[in-house]
């Protein structure tokens, strides 16, 4: 692929700008949701890292034509940027920040006990339902190592969720329901 400067000065520059804009439109909102979950609702950091990843991806839009492969590449970039933002990588979820995504407090707390790569794998696999090879691309592990990571993440998530949900019936949103179902499958 040509360098950005070359594209901007070529006769096809308006076409490339449309391709980049379409790329951002296709991937922007879901990538931002992934970043919000990954950062446990840290909205400023999630917006910044999602925007950085989208900008990187838009520059490579010609190479990232397959939507699912592009989604995996963007999430891997988002994970990379989140690792660099140490304050966004762990801790407790921001109060109410995940509610818009359908995650109640026990869901956010349970996600917070996971290591960052485990959280990324669980979100990509069990919430976004990306293909296993895409999840492998995101976290940089494949095969049996990926299976073990997901199993460990689901178990840790389920244990933390149960500990924080208490004896009361928890009103879950769709996100919490999907995570709990995945954890239940893993524990069988």
N, C-alpha and C. Protein backbone atom coordinates (compact mmCIF):
# COMPACT_ATOMS: atom_id res chain seq x y z
N UNK A 1 0.85 -1.18 0.00
CA UNK A 1 0.00 0.00 0.00
C UNK A 1 0.88 1.23 0.00
N UNK A 2 0.42 2.28 -0.64
CA UNK A 2 1.19 3.51 -0.72
C UNK A 2 1.13 4.26 0.59
N UNK A 3 2.10 5.14 0.80
CA UNK A 3 2.11 5.97 2.00
C UNK A 3 0.95 6.95 1.96
N UNK A 4 0.57 7.44 3.14
CA UNK A 4 -0.56 8.35 3.25
C UNK A 4 -0.35 9.60 2.41
N UNK A 5 0.84 10.17 2.47
CA UNK A 5 1.11 11.38 1.70
C UNK A 5 0.92 11.15 0.22
N UNK A 6 1.30 10.01 -0.27
CA UNK A 6 1.15 9.69 -1.68
C UNK A 6 -0.33 9.57 -2.03
N UNK A 7 -1.10 8.95 -1.14
CA UNK A 7 -2.53 8.82 -1.41
C UNK A 7 -3.21 10.18 -1.46
N UNK A 8 -2.82 11.06 -0.57
CA UNK A 8 -3.48 12.37 -0.50
C UNK A 8 -3.20 13.19 -1.74
N UNK A 9 -2.05 12.98 -2.38
CA UNK A 9 -1.73 13.78 -3.56
C UNK A 9 -2.13 13.09 -4.86
N UNK A 10 -2.65 11.88 -4.76
CA UNK A 10 -3.03 11.17 -5.98
C UNK A 10 -4.41 11.62 -6.46
N UNK A 11 -4.74 11.35 -7.73
CA UNK A 11 -6.05 11.71 -8.24
C UNK A 11 -7.18 10.97 -7.53
N UNK A 12 -6.87 9.83 -6.89
CA UNK A 12 -7.89 9.04 -6.20
C UNK A 12 -8.06 9.45 -4.75
N UNK A 13 -7.46 10.56 -4.32
CA UNK A 13 -7.51 10.96 -2.91
C UNK A 13 -8.94 11.06 -2.38
N UNK A 14 -9.89 11.67 -3.09
CA UNK A 14 -11.24 11.72 -2.54
C UNK A 14 -11.83 10.32 -2.33
N UNK A 15 -11.50 9.39 -3.21
CA UNK A 15 -11.98 8.02 -3.07
C UNK A 15 -11.42 7.39 -1.80
N UNK A 16 -10.12 7.59 -1.54
CA UNK A 16 -9.52 7.05 -0.32
C UNK A 16 -10.12 7.68 0.93
N UNK A 17 -10.44 8.94 0.87
CA UNK A 17 -11.08 9.59 2.02
C UNK A 17 -12.45 8.97 2.28
N UNK A 18 -13.17 8.64 1.23
CA UNK A 18 -14.47 7.98 1.39
C UNK A 18 -14.30 6.58 1.97
N UNK A 19 -13.28 5.86 1.52
CA UNK A 19 -13.00 4.53 2.05
C UNK A 19 -12.68 4.62 3.54
N UNK A 20 -11.84 5.57 3.91
CA UNK A 20 -11.49 5.74 5.33
C UNK A 20 -12.72 6.11 6.16
N UNK A 21 -13.55 7.00 5.64
CA UNK A 21 -14.75 7.39 6.37
C UNK A 21 -15.70 6.21 6.53
N UNK A 22 -15.85 5.42 5.49
CA UNK A 22 -16.70 4.23 5.56
C UNK A 22 -16.14 3.24 6.57
N UNK A 23 -14.83 3.09 6.60
CA UNK A 23 -14.18 2.20 7.55
C UNK A 23 -14.51 2.62 8.99
N UNK A 24 -14.39 3.91 9.25
CA UNK A 24 -14.72 4.42 10.59
C UNK A 24 -16.19 4.22 10.91
N UNK A 25 -17.07 4.43 9.94
CA UNK A 25 -18.50 4.23 10.16
C UNK A 25 -18.84 2.78 10.47
N UNK A 26 -18.21 1.86 9.76
CA UNK A 26 -18.49 0.43 9.95
C UNK A 26 -18.00 -0.05 11.32
N UNK A 27 -16.84 0.39 11.74
CA UNK A 27 -16.21 -0.18 12.93
C UNK A 27 -16.29 0.70 14.18
N UNK A 28 -16.60 1.96 14.04
CA UNK A 28 -16.46 2.91 15.15
C UNK A 28 -17.23 2.60 16.42
N UNK A 29 -18.53 2.40 16.34
CA UNK A 29 -19.32 2.26 17.56
C UNK A 29 -19.02 0.95 18.29
N UNK A 30 -18.89 -0.14 17.57
CA UNK A 30 -18.59 -1.42 18.24
C UNK A 30 -17.19 -1.41 18.84
N UNK A 31 -16.24 -0.78 18.16
CA UNK A 31 -14.89 -0.70 18.71
C UNK A 31 -14.90 0.15 19.98
N UNK A 32 -15.66 1.21 19.98
CA UNK A 32 -15.76 2.05 21.18
C UNK A 32 -16.38 1.25 22.33
N UNK A 33 -17.39 0.44 22.04
CA UNK A 33 -17.98 -0.42 23.07
C UNK A 33 -16.96 -1.40 23.63
N UNK A 34 -16.18 -2.01 22.75
CA UNK A 34 -15.11 -2.91 23.19
C UNK A 34 -14.14 -2.18 24.10
N UNK A 35 -13.74 -0.97 23.70
CA UNK A 35 -12.79 -0.18 24.50
C UNK A 35 -13.39 0.20 25.84
N UNK A 36 -14.67 0.52 25.88
CA UNK A 36 -15.32 0.84 27.16
C UNK A 36 -15.30 -0.35 28.10
N UNK A 37 -15.63 -1.52 27.59
CA UNK A 37 -15.59 -2.72 28.44
C UNK A 37 -14.16 -3.04 28.87
N UNK A 38 -13.24 -2.90 27.96
CA UNK A 38 -11.84 -3.21 28.25
C UNK A 38 -11.29 -2.29 29.33
N UNK A 39 -11.67 -1.02 29.30
CA UNK A 39 -11.17 -0.04 30.27
C UNK A 39 -12.10 0.09 31.47
N UNK A 40 -13.08 -0.79 31.56
CA UNK A 40 -14.04 -0.80 32.68
C UNK A 40 -14.78 0.52 32.80
N UNK A 41 -15.12 1.08 31.65
CA UNK A 41 -15.94 2.28 31.63
C UNK A 41 -15.20 3.59 31.73
N UNK A 42 -13.90 3.59 31.55
CA UNK A 42 -13.14 4.83 31.57
C UNK A 42 -13.38 5.53 30.23
N UNK A 43 -14.41 6.37 30.20
CA UNK A 43 -14.88 6.94 28.94
C UNK A 43 -13.84 7.77 28.20
N UNK A 44 -13.11 8.67 28.87
CA UNK A 44 -12.11 9.45 28.11
C UNK A 44 -11.02 8.57 27.50
N UNK A 45 -10.53 7.61 28.27
CA UNK A 45 -9.47 6.73 27.76
C UNK A 45 -10.02 5.83 26.66
N UNK A 46 -11.21 5.28 26.86
CA UNK A 46 -11.81 4.41 25.84
C UNK A 46 -11.99 5.16 24.52
N UNK A 47 -12.46 6.39 24.60
CA UNK A 47 -12.66 7.18 23.38
C UNK A 47 -11.32 7.44 22.70
N UNK A 48 -10.30 7.75 23.48
CA UNK A 48 -8.99 8.06 22.91
C UNK A 48 -8.36 6.84 22.25
N UNK A 49 -8.38 5.69 22.94
CA UNK A 49 -7.73 4.51 22.35
C UNK A 49 -8.51 3.95 21.17
N UNK A 50 -9.83 4.03 21.22
CA UNK A 50 -10.63 3.59 20.07
C UNK A 50 -10.35 4.50 18.88
N UNK A 51 -10.26 5.79 19.11
CA UNK A 51 -9.97 6.73 18.02
C UNK A 51 -8.58 6.48 17.43
N UNK A 52 -7.60 6.18 18.30
CA UNK A 52 -6.25 5.89 17.80
C UNK A 52 -6.26 4.63 16.94
N UNK A 53 -6.93 3.59 17.43
CA UNK A 53 -6.98 2.34 16.68
C UNK A 53 -7.71 2.54 15.35
N UNK A 54 -8.81 3.30 15.37
CA UNK A 54 -9.55 3.57 14.12
C UNK A 54 -8.71 4.36 13.14
N UNK A 55 -7.97 5.32 13.63
CA UNK A 55 -7.11 6.10 12.74
C UNK A 55 -6.05 5.19 12.10
N UNK A 56 -5.46 4.31 12.92
CA UNK A 56 -4.48 3.36 12.38
C UNK A 56 -5.14 2.47 11.32
N UNK A 57 -6.33 1.97 11.65
CA UNK A 57 -7.03 1.08 10.72
C UNK A 57 -7.46 1.78 9.45
N UNK A 58 -7.92 3.02 9.58
CA UNK A 58 -8.35 3.77 8.40
C UNK A 58 -7.19 3.97 7.43
N UNK A 59 -6.00 4.14 7.97
CA UNK A 59 -4.82 4.27 7.11
C UNK A 59 -4.51 2.97 6.37
N UNK A 60 -4.99 1.86 6.94
CA UNK A 60 -4.74 0.55 6.33
C UNK A 60 -6.01 -0.05 5.76
N UNK A 61 -7.00 0.77 5.50
CA UNK A 61 -8.31 0.29 5.05
C UNK A 61 -8.20 -0.60 3.82
N UNK A 62 -7.28 -0.30 2.95
CA UNK A 62 -7.11 -1.12 1.76
C UNK A 62 -6.66 -2.54 2.08
N UNK A 63 -5.91 -2.70 3.16
CA UNK A 63 -5.42 -4.02 3.57
C UNK A 63 -6.45 -4.76 4.43
N UNK A 64 -7.30 -4.01 5.11
CA UNK A 64 -8.24 -4.58 6.08
C UNK A 64 -9.65 -4.62 5.50
N UNK A 65 -9.78 -5.23 4.35
CA UNK A 65 -11.07 -5.22 3.66
C UNK A 65 -12.09 -6.18 4.24
N UNK A 66 -11.66 -7.29 4.78
CA UNK A 66 -12.59 -8.26 5.35
C UNK A 66 -13.05 -7.74 6.71
N UNK A 67 -14.35 -7.50 6.89
CA UNK A 67 -14.84 -6.85 8.13
C UNK A 67 -14.44 -7.56 9.42
N UNK A 68 -14.53 -8.90 9.46
CA UNK A 68 -14.18 -9.60 10.69
C UNK A 68 -12.69 -9.53 10.98
N UNK A 69 -11.87 -9.67 9.96
CA UNK A 69 -10.43 -9.58 10.18
C UNK A 69 -10.06 -8.16 10.59
N UNK A 70 -10.71 -7.18 10.00
CA UNK A 70 -10.47 -5.79 10.39
C UNK A 70 -10.90 -5.56 11.84
N UNK A 71 -12.02 -6.15 12.24
CA UNK A 71 -12.50 -6.01 13.62
C UNK A 71 -11.46 -6.58 14.60
N UNK A 72 -10.90 -7.73 14.26
CA UNK A 72 -9.89 -8.34 15.13
C UNK A 72 -8.64 -7.47 15.18
N UNK A 73 -8.20 -6.98 14.05
CA UNK A 73 -7.00 -6.14 14.00
C UNK A 73 -7.22 -4.88 14.84
N UNK A 74 -8.39 -4.27 14.71
CA UNK A 74 -8.69 -3.05 15.47
C UNK A 74 -8.71 -3.32 16.97
N UNK A 75 -9.26 -4.46 17.38
CA UNK A 75 -9.30 -4.79 18.79
C UNK A 75 -7.90 -5.10 19.33
N UNK A 76 -7.07 -5.72 18.51
CA UNK A 76 -5.69 -5.96 18.92
C UNK A 76 -4.98 -4.62 19.13
N UNK A 77 -5.23 -3.68 18.25
CA UNK A 77 -4.65 -2.33 18.39
C UNK A 77 -5.18 -1.66 19.65
N UNK A 78 -6.47 -1.81 19.90
CA UNK A 78 -7.09 -1.22 21.09
C UNK A 78 -6.49 -1.83 22.35
N UNK A 79 -6.28 -3.13 22.36
CA UNK A 79 -5.63 -3.79 23.49
C UNK A 79 -4.22 -3.24 23.66
N UNK A 80 -3.50 -3.08 22.58
CA UNK A 80 -2.14 -2.52 22.62
C UNK A 80 -2.16 -1.14 23.28
N UNK A 81 -3.04 -0.27 22.83
CA UNK A 81 -3.11 1.08 23.40
C UNK A 81 -3.58 1.06 24.85
N UNK A 82 -4.45 0.13 25.19
CA UNK A 82 -4.92 0.04 26.58
C UNK A 82 -3.78 -0.38 27.50
N UNK A 83 -2.94 -1.29 27.05
CA UNK A 83 -1.77 -1.68 27.85
C UNK A 83 -0.88 -0.49 28.15
N UNK A 84 -0.78 0.41 27.20
CA UNK A 84 0.05 1.60 27.40
C UNK A 84 -0.59 2.57 28.38
N UNK A 85 -1.90 2.51 28.53
CA UNK A 85 -2.63 3.37 29.47
C UNK A 85 -2.82 2.59 30.77
N UNK A 86 -1.79 2.45 31.54
CA UNK A 86 -1.83 1.59 32.72
C UNK A 86 -3.01 1.88 33.64
N UNK A 87 -3.37 3.12 33.80
CA UNK A 87 -4.47 3.44 34.72
C UNK A 87 -5.81 2.93 34.19
N UNK A 88 -5.90 2.66 32.89
CA UNK A 88 -7.15 2.18 32.30
C UNK A 88 -7.22 0.66 32.27
N UNK A 89 -6.12 0.00 32.56
CA UNK A 89 -6.04 -1.44 32.36
C UNK A 89 -6.63 -2.27 33.49
N UNK A 90 -6.86 -1.70 34.62
CA UNK A 90 -7.37 -2.51 35.73
C UNK A 90 -8.14 -1.68 36.72
N UNK A 91 -8.40 -2.30 37.84
CA UNK A 91 -9.12 -1.61 38.90
C UNK A 91 -10.60 -1.89 38.85
N UNK A 92 -11.33 -1.01 39.48
CA UNK A 92 -12.78 -1.15 39.56
C UNK A 92 -13.44 -0.36 38.42
N UNK A 93 -14.60 -0.83 38.00
CA UNK A 93 -15.30 -0.10 36.93
C UNK A 93 -15.76 1.27 37.41
N UNK A 94 -15.84 2.18 36.50
CA UNK A 94 -16.37 3.51 36.81
C UNK A 94 -17.86 3.39 37.13
N UNK A 95 -18.31 4.09 38.13
CA UNK A 95 -19.71 4.02 38.54
C UNK A 95 -20.65 4.33 37.39
N UNK A 96 -21.49 3.36 37.06
CA UNK A 96 -22.52 3.54 36.04
C UNK A 96 -22.03 3.66 34.62
N UNK A 97 -20.74 3.63 34.39
CA UNK A 97 -20.20 3.86 33.05
C UNK A 97 -20.52 2.71 32.09
N UNK A 98 -20.74 1.52 32.61
CA UNK A 98 -21.01 0.38 31.74
C UNK A 98 -22.51 0.11 31.60
N UNK A 99 -23.32 0.82 32.34
CA UNK A 99 -24.76 0.60 32.31
C UNK A 99 -25.34 0.79 30.91
N UNK A 100 -24.85 1.76 30.19
CA UNK A 100 -25.36 2.01 28.83
C UNK A 100 -25.12 0.81 27.92
N UNK A 101 -24.12 0.01 28.23
CA UNK A 101 -23.82 -1.17 27.43
C UNK A 101 -24.60 -2.39 27.91
N UNK A 102 -25.37 -2.23 28.97
CA UNK A 102 -26.16 -3.34 29.51
C UNK A 102 -25.45 -4.12 30.59
N UNK A 103 -24.38 -3.58 31.14
CA UNK A 103 -23.63 -4.27 32.19
C UNK A 103 -23.96 -3.63 33.53
N UNK A 104 -24.49 -4.44 34.47
CA UNK A 104 -24.76 -3.92 35.80
C UNK A 104 -23.47 -3.98 36.64
N UNK A 105 -23.55 -3.53 37.88
CA UNK A 105 -22.36 -3.46 38.72
C UNK A 105 -21.65 -4.81 38.91
N UNK A 106 -22.38 -5.91 39.21
CA UNK A 106 -21.66 -7.19 39.36
C UNK A 106 -20.92 -7.61 38.08
N UNK A 107 -21.47 -7.30 36.92
CA UNK A 107 -20.79 -7.62 35.66
C UNK A 107 -19.50 -6.82 35.55
N UNK A 108 -19.57 -5.53 35.81
CA UNK A 108 -18.38 -4.68 35.73
C UNK A 108 -17.31 -5.09 36.72
N UNK A 109 -17.73 -5.41 37.95
CA UNK A 109 -16.78 -5.84 38.97
C UNK A 109 -16.12 -7.15 38.55
N UNK A 110 -16.92 -8.08 38.03
CA UNK A 110 -16.39 -9.37 37.60
C UNK A 110 -15.41 -9.20 36.43
N UNK A 111 -15.72 -8.31 35.50
CA UNK A 111 -14.77 -8.04 34.42
C UNK A 111 -13.48 -7.46 34.97
N UNK A 112 -13.60 -6.67 36.03
CA UNK A 112 -12.43 -6.01 36.62
C UNK A 112 -11.45 -6.96 37.29
N UNK A 113 -11.87 -8.17 37.65
CA UNK A 113 -10.94 -9.11 38.28
C UNK A 113 -10.07 -9.81 37.24
N UNK A 114 -10.45 -9.73 35.99
CA UNK A 114 -9.69 -10.41 34.93
C UNK A 114 -8.45 -9.61 34.56
N UNK A 115 -7.40 -10.33 34.18
CA UNK A 115 -6.24 -9.67 33.60
C UNK A 115 -6.68 -9.07 32.27
N UNK A 116 -5.98 -8.09 31.81
CA UNK A 116 -6.40 -7.35 30.62
C UNK A 116 -6.57 -8.26 29.40
N UNK A 117 -5.64 -9.16 29.15
CA UNK A 117 -5.78 -10.06 27.99
C UNK A 117 -6.95 -11.01 28.17
N UNK A 118 -7.16 -11.49 29.39
CA UNK A 118 -8.32 -12.35 29.65
C UNK A 118 -9.61 -11.59 29.38
N UNK A 119 -9.65 -10.35 29.85
CA UNK A 119 -10.84 -9.52 29.64
C UNK A 119 -11.09 -9.30 28.15
N UNK A 120 -10.03 -9.01 27.41
CA UNK A 120 -10.17 -8.80 25.96
C UNK A 120 -10.68 -10.07 25.28
N UNK A 121 -10.13 -11.22 25.68
CA UNK A 121 -10.55 -12.50 25.08
C UNK A 121 -12.02 -12.79 25.42
N UNK A 122 -12.41 -12.58 26.67
CA UNK A 122 -13.78 -12.85 27.08
C UNK A 122 -14.76 -11.92 26.36
N UNK A 123 -14.43 -10.66 26.28
CA UNK A 123 -15.30 -9.69 25.60
C UNK A 123 -15.45 -10.07 24.12
N UNK A 124 -14.33 -10.32 23.47
CA UNK A 124 -14.36 -10.64 22.03
C UNK A 124 -15.08 -11.95 21.76
N UNK A 125 -14.83 -12.95 22.59
CA UNK A 125 -15.40 -14.27 22.37
C UNK A 125 -16.86 -14.36 22.79
N UNK A 126 -17.15 -13.96 24.00
CA UNK A 126 -18.46 -14.25 24.58
C UNK A 126 -19.46 -13.10 24.52
N UNK A 127 -18.98 -11.90 24.32
CA UNK A 127 -19.91 -10.78 24.18
C UNK A 127 -20.08 -10.42 22.72
N UNK A 128 -18.96 -10.22 22.05
CA UNK A 128 -19.04 -9.86 20.63
C UNK A 128 -19.17 -11.08 19.73
N UNK A 129 -18.88 -12.23 20.26
CA UNK A 129 -18.98 -13.49 19.53
C UNK A 129 -18.14 -13.52 18.26
N UNK A 130 -16.94 -13.04 18.39
CA UNK A 130 -16.01 -13.12 17.26
C UNK A 130 -15.49 -14.54 17.15
N UNK A 131 -15.08 -14.89 15.96
CA UNK A 131 -14.51 -16.19 15.67
C UNK A 131 -13.26 -16.42 16.51
N UNK A 132 -13.00 -17.68 16.85
CA UNK A 132 -11.84 -18.05 17.68
C UNK A 132 -10.53 -17.53 17.09
N UNK A 133 -10.37 -17.61 15.77
CA UNK A 133 -9.12 -17.13 15.18
C UNK A 133 -8.98 -15.62 15.32
N UNK A 134 -10.11 -14.90 15.33
CA UNK A 134 -10.06 -13.46 15.54
C UNK A 134 -9.70 -13.13 16.99
N UNK A 135 -10.24 -13.90 17.92
CA UNK A 135 -9.90 -13.72 19.33
C UNK A 135 -8.40 -13.99 19.52
N UNK A 136 -7.89 -15.01 18.85
CA UNK A 136 -6.46 -15.31 18.90
C UNK A 136 -5.64 -14.14 18.38
N UNK A 137 -6.09 -13.52 17.30
CA UNK A 137 -5.40 -12.36 16.76
C UNK A 137 -5.38 -11.23 17.77
N UNK A 138 -6.47 -11.02 18.45
CA UNK A 138 -6.59 -9.91 19.40
C UNK A 138 -5.60 -10.06 20.55
N UNK A 139 -5.54 -11.24 21.14
CA UNK A 139 -4.72 -11.42 22.34
C UNK A 139 -3.35 -12.03 22.07
N UNK A 140 -3.12 -12.47 20.84
CA UNK A 140 -1.81 -13.00 20.48
C UNK A 140 -1.53 -14.40 21.00
N UNK A 141 -2.58 -15.18 21.22
CA UNK A 141 -2.43 -16.57 21.67
C UNK A 141 -3.38 -17.41 20.83
N UNK A 142 -2.96 -18.62 20.47
CA UNK A 142 -3.88 -19.48 19.72
C UNK A 142 -3.84 -20.90 20.27
N UNK A 143 -4.65 -21.75 19.70
CA UNK A 143 -4.68 -23.16 20.05
C UNK A 143 -5.08 -23.43 21.49
N UNK A 144 -4.38 -24.38 22.09
CA UNK A 144 -4.70 -24.80 23.46
C UNK A 144 -4.47 -23.67 24.46
N UNK A 145 -3.49 -22.83 24.19
CA UNK A 145 -3.25 -21.68 25.08
C UNK A 145 -4.45 -20.74 25.12
N UNK A 146 -5.07 -20.55 23.98
CA UNK A 146 -6.26 -19.71 23.92
C UNK A 146 -7.41 -20.37 24.66
N UNK A 147 -7.58 -21.66 24.45
CA UNK A 147 -8.65 -22.38 25.15
C UNK A 147 -8.49 -22.28 26.66
N UNK A 148 -7.25 -22.47 27.15
CA UNK A 148 -7.00 -22.37 28.59
C UNK A 148 -7.27 -20.96 29.10
N UNK A 149 -6.86 -19.96 28.34
CA UNK A 149 -7.08 -18.58 28.77
C UNK A 149 -8.57 -18.29 28.89
N UNK A 150 -9.34 -18.68 27.89
CA UNK A 150 -10.78 -18.44 27.94
C UNK A 150 -11.44 -19.20 29.07
N UNK A 151 -11.04 -20.43 29.28
CA UNK A 151 -11.59 -21.23 30.38
C UNK A 151 -11.31 -20.54 31.72
N UNK A 152 -10.07 -20.12 31.90
CA UNK A 152 -9.67 -19.43 33.13
C UNK A 152 -10.44 -18.12 33.30
N UNK A 153 -10.57 -17.37 32.22
CA UNK A 153 -11.30 -16.10 32.28
C UNK A 153 -12.77 -16.32 32.64
N UNK A 154 -13.38 -17.31 32.03
CA UNK A 154 -14.80 -17.58 32.31
C UNK A 154 -14.99 -18.02 33.76
N UNK A 155 -14.10 -18.84 34.25
CA UNK A 155 -14.20 -19.32 35.63
C UNK A 155 -14.00 -18.16 36.61
N UNK A 156 -12.97 -17.37 36.40
CA UNK A 156 -12.71 -16.23 37.28
C UNK A 156 -13.85 -15.23 37.23
N UNK A 157 -14.35 -14.99 36.03
CA UNK A 157 -15.49 -14.09 35.88
C UNK A 157 -16.70 -14.62 36.66
N UNK A 158 -17.04 -15.89 36.46
CA UNK A 158 -18.21 -16.48 37.12
C UNK A 158 -18.07 -16.42 38.63
N UNK A 159 -16.89 -16.73 39.15
CA UNK A 159 -16.66 -16.68 40.60
C UNK A 159 -16.85 -15.26 41.13
N UNK A 160 -16.27 -14.29 40.43
CA UNK A 160 -16.39 -12.90 40.88
C UNK A 160 -17.81 -12.39 40.75
N UNK A 161 -18.48 -12.79 39.69
CA UNK A 161 -19.88 -12.38 39.52
C UNK A 161 -20.72 -12.92 40.66
N UNK A 162 -20.56 -14.20 40.96
CA UNK A 162 -21.34 -14.82 42.03
C UNK A 162 -21.05 -14.16 43.37
N UNK A 163 -19.81 -13.82 43.62
CA UNK A 163 -19.44 -13.18 44.89
C UNK A 163 -20.02 -11.78 45.02
N UNK A 164 -20.21 -11.08 43.91
CA UNK A 164 -20.70 -9.71 43.95
C UNK A 164 -22.20 -9.57 43.72
N UNK A 165 -22.81 -10.61 43.19
CA UNK A 165 -24.26 -10.55 42.95
C UNK A 165 -25.03 -10.78 44.23
N UNK A 166 -24.42 -11.47 45.19
CA UNK A 166 -25.09 -11.73 46.45
C UNK A 166 -26.23 -12.72 46.28
N UNK A 167 -27.04 -12.84 47.32
CA UNK A 167 -28.17 -13.77 47.31
C UNK A 167 -29.38 -13.22 46.57
N UNK A 168 -29.41 -11.92 46.37
CA UNK A 168 -30.55 -11.30 45.70
C UNK A 168 -30.55 -11.65 44.22
N UNK A 169 -31.73 -11.64 43.64
CA UNK A 169 -31.82 -11.82 42.19
C UNK A 169 -31.28 -10.56 41.54
N UNK A 170 -30.36 -10.74 40.64
CA UNK A 170 -29.74 -9.60 39.97
C UNK A 170 -30.47 -9.37 38.66
N UNK A 171 -30.85 -8.13 38.43
CA UNK A 171 -31.45 -7.75 37.16
C UNK A 171 -30.31 -7.53 36.18
N UNK A 172 -30.15 -8.44 35.27
CA UNK A 172 -29.07 -8.34 34.30
C UNK A 172 -29.57 -7.71 33.02
N UNK A 173 -28.67 -7.01 32.38
CA UNK A 173 -28.93 -6.53 31.05
C UNK A 173 -28.52 -7.61 30.06
N UNK A 174 -28.65 -7.35 28.77
CA UNK A 174 -28.29 -8.35 27.77
C UNK A 174 -26.81 -8.74 27.81
N UNK A 175 -25.96 -7.80 28.14
CA UNK A 175 -24.53 -8.08 28.22
C UNK A 175 -24.24 -9.04 29.36
N UNK A 176 -24.81 -8.76 30.52
CA UNK A 176 -24.61 -9.63 31.67
C UNK A 176 -25.14 -11.03 31.42
N UNK A 177 -26.28 -11.12 30.76
CA UNK A 177 -26.87 -12.42 30.45
C UNK A 177 -25.94 -13.22 29.55
N UNK A 178 -25.37 -12.58 28.53
CA UNK A 178 -24.47 -13.28 27.60
C UNK A 178 -23.21 -13.75 28.31
N UNK A 179 -22.67 -12.93 29.20
CA UNK A 179 -21.46 -13.33 29.91
C UNK A 179 -21.77 -14.48 30.86
N UNK A 180 -22.91 -14.39 31.58
CA UNK A 180 -23.26 -15.45 32.51
C UNK A 180 -23.48 -16.77 31.77
N UNK A 181 -24.15 -16.73 30.60
CA UNK A 181 -24.37 -17.95 29.82
C UNK A 181 -23.04 -18.58 29.41
N UNK A 182 -22.09 -17.74 29.00
CA UNK A 182 -20.78 -18.25 28.61
C UNK A 182 -20.07 -18.87 29.81
N UNK A 183 -20.16 -18.21 30.94
CA UNK A 183 -19.54 -18.75 32.15
C UNK A 183 -20.18 -20.07 32.55
N UNK A 184 -21.50 -20.14 32.46
CA UNK A 184 -22.20 -21.39 32.79
C UNK A 184 -21.76 -22.53 31.88
N UNK A 185 -21.58 -22.24 30.57
CA UNK A 185 -21.11 -23.26 29.62
C UNK A 185 -19.72 -23.75 30.04
N UNK A 186 -18.89 -22.84 30.47
CA UNK A 186 -17.52 -23.20 30.81
C UNK A 186 -17.45 -24.05 32.07
N UNK A 187 -18.41 -23.88 32.96
CA UNK A 187 -18.37 -24.59 34.23
C UNK A 187 -19.02 -25.97 34.17
N UNK A 188 -19.63 -26.32 33.07
CA UNK A 188 -20.28 -27.64 32.93
C UNK A 188 -19.28 -28.72 32.71
